[in-house]
C-alpha atoms as a PDB file:
ATOM      1  CA  MET A   1     117.354  87.174 109.548  1.00  0.00           C
ATOM      2  CA  THR A   2     119.399  84.386 108.080  1.00  0.00           C
ATOM      3  CA  VAL A   3     121.819  84.938 105.243  1.00  0.00           C
ATOM      4  CA  SER A   4     119.683  82.933 102.819  1.00  0.00           C
ATOM      5  CA  SER A   5     116.551  84.940 103.604  1.00  0.00           C
ATOM      6  CA  HIS A   6     118.549  88.153 103.222  1.00  0.00           C
ATOM      7  CA  VAL A   7     119.819  86.988  99.820  1.00  0.00           C
ATOM      8  CA  THR A   8     116.243  86.132  98.825  1.00  0.00           C
ATOM      9  CA  GLU A   9     115.082  89.632  99.732  1.00  0.00           C
ATOM     10  CA  LEU A  10     117.985  91.165  97.800  1.00  0.00           C
ATOM     11  CA  LYS A  11     117.062  89.072  94.754  1.00  0.00           C
ATOM     12  CA  LYS A  12     113.473  90.335  94.964  1.00  0.00           C
ATOM     13  CA  LYS A  13     114.700  93.936  95.129  1.00  0.00           C
ATOM     14  CA  HIS A  14     117.041  93.263  92.190  1.00  0.00           C
ATOM     15  CA  ALA A  15     114.182  91.850  90.102  1.00  0.00           C
ATOM     16  CA  ASN A  16     111.990  94.817  91.008  1.00  0.00           C
ATOM     17  CA  LEU A  17     114.734  97.216  89.929  1.00  0.00           C
ATOM     18  CA  SER A  18     115.100  95.306  86.649  1.00  0.00           C
ATOM     19  CA  GLU A  19     111.433  95.924  85.937  1.00  0.00           C
ATOM     20  CA  LYS A  20     111.770  99.616  86.846  1.00  0.00           C
ATOM     21  CA  VAL A  21     114.787 100.013  84.543  1.00  0.00           C
ATOM     22  CA  GLU A  22     112.974  98.355  81.644  1.00  0.00           C
ATOM     23  CA  HIS A  23     109.880 100.494  82.177  1.00  0.00           C
ATOM     24  CA  SER A  24     111.963 103.661  82.487  1.00  0.00           C
ATOM     25  CA  GLN A  25     113.887 102.926  79.307  1.00  0.00           C
ATOM     26  CA  ARG A  26     110.610 102.586  77.391  1.00  0.00           C
ATOM     27  CA  SER A  27     109.269 105.860  78.746  1.00  0.00           C
ATOM     28  CA  PRO A  28     110.513 108.888  76.777  1.00  0.00           C
ATOM     29  CA  ALA A  29     109.874 111.165  79.763  1.00  0.00           C
ATOM     30  CA  THR A  30     112.389 109.396  82.004  1.00  0.00           C
ATOM     31  CA  ASP A  31     115.661 111.206  82.599  1.00  0.00           C
ATOM     32  CA  SER A  32     118.805 109.264  81.699  1.00  0.00           C
ATOM     33  CA  LEU A  33     120.265 110.129  85.117  1.00  0.00           C
ATOM     34  CA  ASP A  34     117.311 108.410  86.778  1.00  0.00           C
ATOM     35  CA  ILE A  35     117.950 105.291  84.710  1.00  0.00           C
ATOM     36  CA  LYS A  36     121.647 105.447  85.541  1.00  0.00           C
ATOM     37  CA  SER A  37     120.832 105.680  89.238  1.00  0.00           C
ATOM     38  CA  LEU A  38     118.514 102.656  89.032  1.00  0.00           C
ATOM     39  CA  LYS A  39     121.191 100.664  87.201  1.00  0.00           C
ATOM     40  CA  GLN A  40     123.819 101.565  89.786  1.00  0.00           C
ATOM     41  CA  GLU A  41     121.539 100.423  92.599  1.00  0.00           C
ATOM     42  CA  LYS A  42     120.801  97.223  90.692  1.00  0.00           C
ATOM     43  CA  LEU A  43     124.536  96.559  90.304  1.00  0.00           C
ATOM     44  CA  ARG A  44     125.120  97.249  94.007  1.00  0.00           C
ATOM     45  CA  LEU A  45     122.445  94.702  94.904  1.00  0.00           C
ATOM     46  CA  LYS A  46     123.924  92.149  92.503  1.00  0.00           C
ATOM     47  CA  GLN A  47     127.362  92.570  94.047  1.00  0.00           C
ATOM     48  CA  GLU A  48     125.916  92.200  97.544  1.00  0.00           C
ATOM     49  CA  ILE A  49     124.081  89.012  96.493  1.00  0.00           C
ATOM     50  CA  GLU A  50     127.285  87.577  95.037  1.00  0.00           C
ATOM     51  CA  ARG A  51     129.258  88.515  98.146  1.00  0.00           C
ATOM     52  CA  LEU A  52     126.779  86.850 100.473  1.00  0.00           C
ATOM     53  CA  SER A  53     126.410  83.766  98.265  1.00  0.00           C
ATOM     54  CA  THR A  54     130.092  82.830  98.393  1.00  0.00           C
END
């Protein structure tokens, strides 16, 4: 897997997590710890994308 294809896959995962976070925040039944966990994973992916893009 090339670096650019890996970055593309990470961006897809990041976008998917963004959708999950938004959906979870709208749902009153979602635990705030679950949302926090999703946001942390999203941040980790963003940092990995930035690291690989430089």
